[in-house]
Each structure stands twice: as C-alpha cells, then as structure tokens.
Amino acid sequence: MRMARRLRLNGTGSGGDGCPSVHEDLDSGEVIVHGPPLTDTEDVAQLQHLSEGEVAVVVPRDLLVDWTPKERTRQVRTIELDEFSALFGKFEHTAWRLETRRRYASDEQDDTWRQFVETGQIEWTFDHPYCATIRRQTGLGKRVERVRLVDDPPTTGQLYLLDNAKRNSQLGEDIRNLYRSDADRMKLPVEDFWLFDSRLIALLKFDDDDQLTHVDLITEPAEVVRCCMIRDAAWHHAVPWREFAAQLDGGAV
C-alpha cells in the first residue's frame, strides 16, 4: 500500500485564494507546484516534452524565486549548546519561540521539578544566568515571546512549564499557550525552534530521551519567511498564559 507523501507548504504567491502555491516533499525533496492550468491550445502546442497525463500550470515568476529551495539540501550550521545560549544576549530586537514537545528532559533535572511533582507548587528564583540576560534584554525594550503547545489533558511537563510562566513573565517575556489540536488544525509544524530578529532560525534537536543535543542555525530566506508565517499564525490564535491557566483551573491561577 502506497504511503501518502508528507508535504509542507513553502509559500503562496496568492493574495487571497491560496493559489498558486509551492509545496515540498519532506522525504524526497521533490517540489509540487499548483496553479491555474494552461488551457489555450495554441499555448499548449508550444510546450516541449509535455507527456500524456501531464498538466502545465501558470504561476508568477516570483513564486518560484521566493518559495522553491535554493539548494538541493537545506544549508544549516550546527552549534553546541553554549553557543546557542549566547544568542540570547546578542539578538537586536525580538526572540520568538515555538515549543511543541510534550516533555523536556532538562526540566526534570531541576529542584523546581521535584517541588512541582511532590507539592504542585514551586518557589521560583531568579539566580539562573538566563534570567539576568532576559531581564536585561527586555529592559532595553526588546521582545521575548513564546507559544507553548499543550495537549488535552496536559502532560506533567506542560503543566510545569505553565507554572514556569509565572517566573519568565516577570523577566519581561510574553508567553501564550495553544492547544495541540488547534495547532494541528492550523497545520503548524512539529519543529521546536527560536526565531531571532525575524532572520535567524535556531532549530532545536532532541534525542529519543527528550534531551536537547544540539541546535541547527538556518538563515535560508524561504525558511525564515516560513517560520515568520508560523509565528504570525500561532501568536494570533494562542491564549495569554494566565487566561489559559485559569481555564484549566476553573478560574484560579
């Protein structure tokens, strides 16, 4: 039985009806383009190598320039976690995160995790170097924002991060939550990433034990624009964390 392709929308040149568009096969790298068919018989007669069963479509040149891959393989630079941490002190305007995982093993190594599992309460402190960095950045007027996906019912790790929003919001972060079912309907990706200054993607890579192992830096323009589109859609539909927590708790935060 043939398996359906795993297709990703790279982008569209349309202003309204979603056509024409470019999709990419995530496994083969093949590109699928759709648009209005070329139907004039005199025009079709001029096409060379048009085989039986093939259909010619007409798309704007800019569609191919903007949304088809520029390299055969995505150009990335893999960095270690120390270099990744340094990015938070270097961004100029914005840092935006999409958190898609059900579990982050690194969270479970902290004493705050033990507090949460044993009592459901956490005494958050601000002595982690990340806190000082983000507080300094937001104090300069820079924006740090997150959208965290949540299952229904939430996992323990997701509830822990919902409590963590109490601390990070005091650093100046703006945090929102979105149910995974809503993200799936919106066709948001499963990638977990930071987007810095709308130009640099830090794609977080995890092993089978949910440990963050390394980070891939991507600056390919089409990929950056795609992540900006993901950010805009997710931010539009996500709910501020206090409101989301109140819904889960029946009104109490």
Protein backbone atom coordinates (compact mmCIF):
# COMPACT_ATOMS: atom_id res chain seq x y z
CA MET A 1 0.00 0.00 0.00
CA ARG A 2 1.42 3.35 -1.03
CA MET A 3 2.05 5.78 1.82
CA ALA A 4 0.87 9.35 1.36
CA ARG A 5 3.52 11.94 0.87
CA ARG A 6 4.47 14.22 3.77
CA LEU A 7 4.02 17.64 2.18
CA ARG A 8 4.85 21.04 3.62
CA LEU A 9 3.57 24.34 2.29
CA ASN A 10 6.57 26.51 1.47
CA GLY A 11 4.52 29.52 0.43
CA THR A 12 1.99 31.04 -1.89
CA GLY A 13 2.06 33.89 -4.35
CA SER A 14 -1.63 34.48 -3.94
CA GLY A 15 -3.17 37.39 -2.14
CA GLY A 16 -6.42 35.62 -1.42
CA ASP A 17 -7.44 32.17 -2.61
CA GLY A 18 -4.29 30.24 -1.79
CA CYS A 19 -3.38 29.52 -5.40
CA PRO A 20 -0.78 29.24 -6.86
CA SER A 21 1.43 27.64 -4.21
CA VAL A 22 4.63 25.66 -3.72
CA HIS A 23 4.80 22.51 -1.55
CA GLU A 24 7.86 20.40 -0.76
CA ASP A 25 8.02 16.66 -0.14
CA LEU A 26 9.79 16.35 3.23
CA ASP A 27 11.22 12.93 2.39
CA SER A 28 12.23 13.13 -1.27
CA GLY A 29 12.83 16.86 -1.56
CA GLU A 30 10.61 17.00 -4.63
CA VAL A 31 8.68 20.22 -5.23
CA ILE A 32 4.98 20.35 -6.09
CA VAL A 33 3.64 23.47 -7.77
CA HIS A 34 -0.03 24.12 -8.40
CA GLY A 35 -1.79 26.97 -10.12
CA PRO A 36 -4.22 27.77 -12.94
CA PRO A 37 -3.83 25.31 -15.83
CA LEU A 38 -2.55 26.41 -19.21
CA THR A 39 -5.55 25.67 -21.41
CA ASP A 40 -5.16 27.64 -24.64
CA THR A 41 -4.45 25.05 -27.33
CA GLU A 42 -2.00 27.29 -29.20
CA ASP A 43 -0.06 27.91 -25.98
CA VAL A 44 0.00 24.21 -25.07
CA ALA A 45 1.21 23.33 -28.58
CA GLN A 46 4.39 25.35 -27.96
CA LEU A 47 5.41 23.28 -24.93
CA GLN A 48 8.21 20.79 -25.42
CA HIS A 49 8.39 17.37 -23.70
CA LEU A 50 4.82 17.59 -22.36
CA SER A 51 3.91 13.93 -21.87
CA GLU A 52 0.49 12.34 -21.81
CA GLY A 53 -1.16 12.86 -18.44
CA GLU A 54 0.95 15.92 -17.59
CA VAL A 55 -0.70 19.27 -16.94
CA ALA A 56 1.02 22.63 -17.43
CA VAL A 57 0.22 25.35 -14.90
CA VAL A 58 0.92 29.07 -14.99
CA VAL A 59 2.47 30.71 -11.93
CA PRO A 60 4.14 34.07 -11.30
CA ARG A 61 7.91 34.03 -11.66
CA ASP A 62 8.21 35.46 -8.14
CA LEU A 63 6.52 32.36 -6.73
CA LEU A 64 9.42 30.19 -7.86
CA VAL A 65 12.04 32.74 -6.87
CA ASP A 66 10.62 33.18 -3.37
CA TRP A 67 9.46 29.70 -2.41
CA THR A 68 11.37 26.95 -4.20
CA PRO A 69 14.50 25.61 -2.45
CA LYS A 70 17.68 27.39 -3.46
CA GLU A 71 19.93 24.46 -2.54
CA ARG A 72 19.50 20.74 -3.00
CA THR A 73 19.76 20.32 0.75
CA ARG A 74 18.93 22.85 3.45
CA GLN A 75 22.05 24.77 4.45
CA VAL A 76 22.49 24.65 8.21
CA ARG A 77 25.24 25.27 10.72
CA THR A 78 25.17 23.05 13.78
CA ILE A 79 26.22 24.67 17.04
CA GLU A 80 26.76 23.42 20.58
CA LEU A 81 24.56 24.44 23.47
CA ASP A 82 26.98 27.03 24.87
CA GLU A 83 26.96 28.95 21.59
CA PHE A 84 23.19 28.67 21.47
CA SER A 85 22.86 30.17 24.97
CA ALA A 86 24.95 33.13 23.85
CA LEU A 87 22.36 34.07 21.20
CA PHE A 88 20.02 35.40 23.91
CA GLY A 89 22.47 38.15 24.78
CA LYS A 90 23.05 39.08 21.14
CA PHE A 91 19.66 39.47 19.45
CA GLU A 92 18.80 43.03 18.48
CA HIS A 93 15.00 43.25 18.57
CA THR A 94 12.98 40.04 19.00
CA ALA A 95 13.31 36.44 20.14
CA TRP A 96 10.29 34.19 19.49
CA ARG A 97 9.85 30.54 20.45
CA LEU A 98 7.52 27.75 19.37
CA GLU A 99 7.55 24.96 21.97
CA THR A 100 5.97 21.81 20.58
CA ARG A 101 7.17 18.93 22.73
CA ARG A 102 5.31 17.03 25.40
CA ARG A 103 8.41 16.65 27.55
CA TYR A 104 11.76 18.36 28.02
CA ALA A 105 14.12 16.11 29.95
CA SER A 106 16.27 19.03 31.08
CA ASP A 107 13.38 20.40 33.14
CA GLU A 108 13.32 17.23 35.22
CA GLN A 109 16.89 17.77 36.40
CA ASP A 110 15.99 20.92 38.38
CA ASP A 111 14.91 21.07 42.01
CA THR A 112 11.87 23.02 40.86
CA TRP A 113 10.68 19.88 39.07
CA ARG A 114 10.86 17.91 42.31
CA GLN A 115 8.89 20.64 44.08
CA PHE A 116 6.23 20.60 41.39
CA VAL A 117 5.82 16.81 41.30
CA GLU A 118 5.72 16.50 45.10
CA THR A 119 3.61 19.53 46.04
CA GLY A 120 2.22 21.12 42.86
CA GLN A 121 3.86 24.39 43.99
CA ILE A 122 7.19 25.95 43.02
CA GLU A 123 9.26 28.62 44.74
CA TRP A 124 10.78 30.24 41.70
CA THR A 125 14.10 32.06 41.99
CA PHE A 126 15.87 34.33 39.55
CA ASP A 127 19.50 33.32 40.04
CA HIS A 128 19.86 31.45 36.73
CA PRO A 129 22.08 33.31 34.19
CA TYR A 130 19.22 33.16 31.68
CA CYS A 131 17.08 35.30 33.99
CA ALA A 132 19.67 38.07 34.14
CA THR A 133 20.15 38.01 30.37
CA ILE A 134 16.45 38.18 29.51
CA ARG A 135 15.68 40.81 32.14
CA ARG A 136 18.46 42.95 30.69
CA GLN A 137 17.23 42.46 27.12
CA THR A 138 13.58 43.21 27.87
CA GLY A 139 14.69 46.19 29.94
CA LEU A 140 16.12 47.61 26.72
CA GLY A 141 12.71 47.31 25.06
CA LYS A 142 13.42 44.07 23.20
CA ARG A 143 10.67 41.45 22.91
CA VAL A 144 10.89 37.84 24.08
CA GLU A 145 7.79 35.81 23.23
CA ARG A 146 6.75 32.16 23.33
CA VAL A 147 3.88 30.00 22.19
CA ARG A 148 3.70 26.70 24.06
CA LEU A 149 1.59 23.83 22.69
CA VAL A 150 -0.47 21.95 25.25
CA ASP A 151 -2.16 18.56 24.97
CA ASP A 152 -5.62 17.81 26.32
CA PRO A 153 -5.14 16.66 29.00
CA PRO A 154 -1.78 18.40 29.54
CA THR A 155 1.33 16.37 30.27
CA THR A 156 3.17 16.87 33.56
CA GLY A 157 5.91 18.69 31.67
CA GLN A 158 3.43 21.07 30.08
CA LEU A 159 1.82 21.86 33.45
CA TYR A 160 5.29 22.50 34.86
CA LEU A 161 6.01 24.99 32.08
CA LEU A 162 2.66 26.67 32.64
CA ASP A 163 3.77 27.29 36.21
CA ASN A 164 7.17 28.39 34.91
CA ALA A 165 5.41 31.21 33.06
CA LYS A 166 4.97 32.90 36.45
CA ARG A 167 8.75 33.34 36.62
CA ASN A 168 9.52 34.05 32.98
CA SER A 169 6.76 36.64 32.67
CA GLN A 170 8.43 38.57 35.48
CA LEU A 171 11.55 38.70 33.31
CA GLY A 172 9.52 40.52 30.66
CA GLU A 173 8.62 37.53 28.49
CA ASP A 174 5.21 37.40 26.81
CA ILE A 175 4.00 33.80 26.91
CA ARG A 176 0.94 32.28 25.28
CA ASN A 177 -0.47 28.77 25.03
CA LEU A 178 -2.25 26.90 22.26
CA TYR A 179 -3.92 23.50 22.37
CA ARG A 180 -2.18 20.98 20.15
CA SER A 181 -5.49 20.11 18.49
CA ASP A 182 -5.84 23.74 17.39
CA ALA A 183 -2.25 23.78 16.15
CA ASP A 184 -2.93 20.62 14.15
CA ARG A 185 -5.99 22.19 12.54
CA MET A 186 -3.84 25.18 11.62
CA LYS A 187 -1.20 22.77 10.24
CA LEU A 188 1.52 24.21 12.45
CA PRO A 189 4.72 22.17 12.27
CA VAL A 190 6.17 19.93 14.96
CA GLU A 191 9.52 21.72 14.82
CA ASP A 192 10.66 23.29 18.06
CA PHE A 193 12.57 26.49 17.33
CA TRP A 194 13.59 30.02 18.27
CA LEU A 195 13.36 32.81 15.69
CA PHE A 196 15.75 35.70 16.32
CA ASP A 197 15.14 39.10 14.74
CA SER A 198 12.99 37.52 12.00
CA ARG A 199 16.17 36.41 10.24
CA LEU A 200 17.82 33.55 12.15
CA ILE A 201 16.20 30.21 12.99
CA ALA A 202 17.61 28.15 15.85
CA LEU A 203 16.10 24.69 15.29
CA LEU A 204 16.32 22.64 18.49
CA LYS A 205 17.25 18.97 18.04
CA PHE A 206 16.38 16.33 20.63
CA ASP A 207 17.26 12.67 21.09
CA ASP A 208 14.87 9.80 21.86
CA ASP A 209 15.11 10.59 25.58
CA ASP A 210 13.88 14.19 25.03
CA GLN A 211 17.32 15.64 25.76
CA LEU A 212 18.36 18.71 23.77
CA THR A 213 21.53 17.63 21.95
CA HIS A 214 22.38 20.46 19.58
CA VAL A 215 20.95 23.35 17.59
CA ASP A 216 20.86 23.92 13.83
CA LEU A 217 21.13 27.54 12.68
CA ILE A 218 19.25 28.31 9.45
CA THR A 219 19.28 31.58 7.51
CA GLU A 220 17.81 30.40 4.18
CA PRO A 221 15.35 33.20 3.27
CA ALA A 222 12.44 30.92 2.33
CA GLU A 223 12.79 29.00 5.60
CA VAL A 224 12.95 32.21 7.61
CA VAL A 225 9.83 33.58 5.95
CA ARG A 226 8.05 30.27 6.56
CA CYS A 227 8.87 30.48 10.27
CA CYS A 228 7.66 34.09 10.35
CA MET A 229 4.35 32.90 8.91
CA ILE A 230 4.19 30.18 11.58
CA ARG A 231 4.88 32.79 14.26
CA ASP A 232 2.13 35.08 13.00
CA ALA A 233 -0.46 32.31 12.87
CA ALA A 234 0.44 30.82 16.24
CA TRP A 235 0.60 34.19 18.01
CA HIS A 236 -2.77 35.18 16.55
CA HIS A 237 -4.59 32.15 17.92
CA ALA A 238 -2.68 31.45 21.14
CA VAL A 239 -4.08 32.48 24.53
CA PRO A 240 -2.13 34.51 27.14
CA TRP A 241 -0.82 32.09 29.74
CA ARG A 242 -2.79 33.48 32.69
CA GLU A 243 -6.04 33.15 30.80
CA PHE A 244 -5.10 29.65 29.65
CA ALA A 245 -4.17 28.57 33.19
CA ALA A 246 -7.42 29.98 34.53
CA GLN A 247 -9.36 27.87 32.04
CA LEU A 248 -7.55 24.75 33.21
CA ASP A 249 -8.00 25.58 36.89
CA GLY A 250 -11.62 26.61 36.61
CA GLY A 251 -10.84 30.25 37.24
CA ALA A 252 -7.96 30.10 39.73
CA VAL A 253 -4.39 30.88 38.67
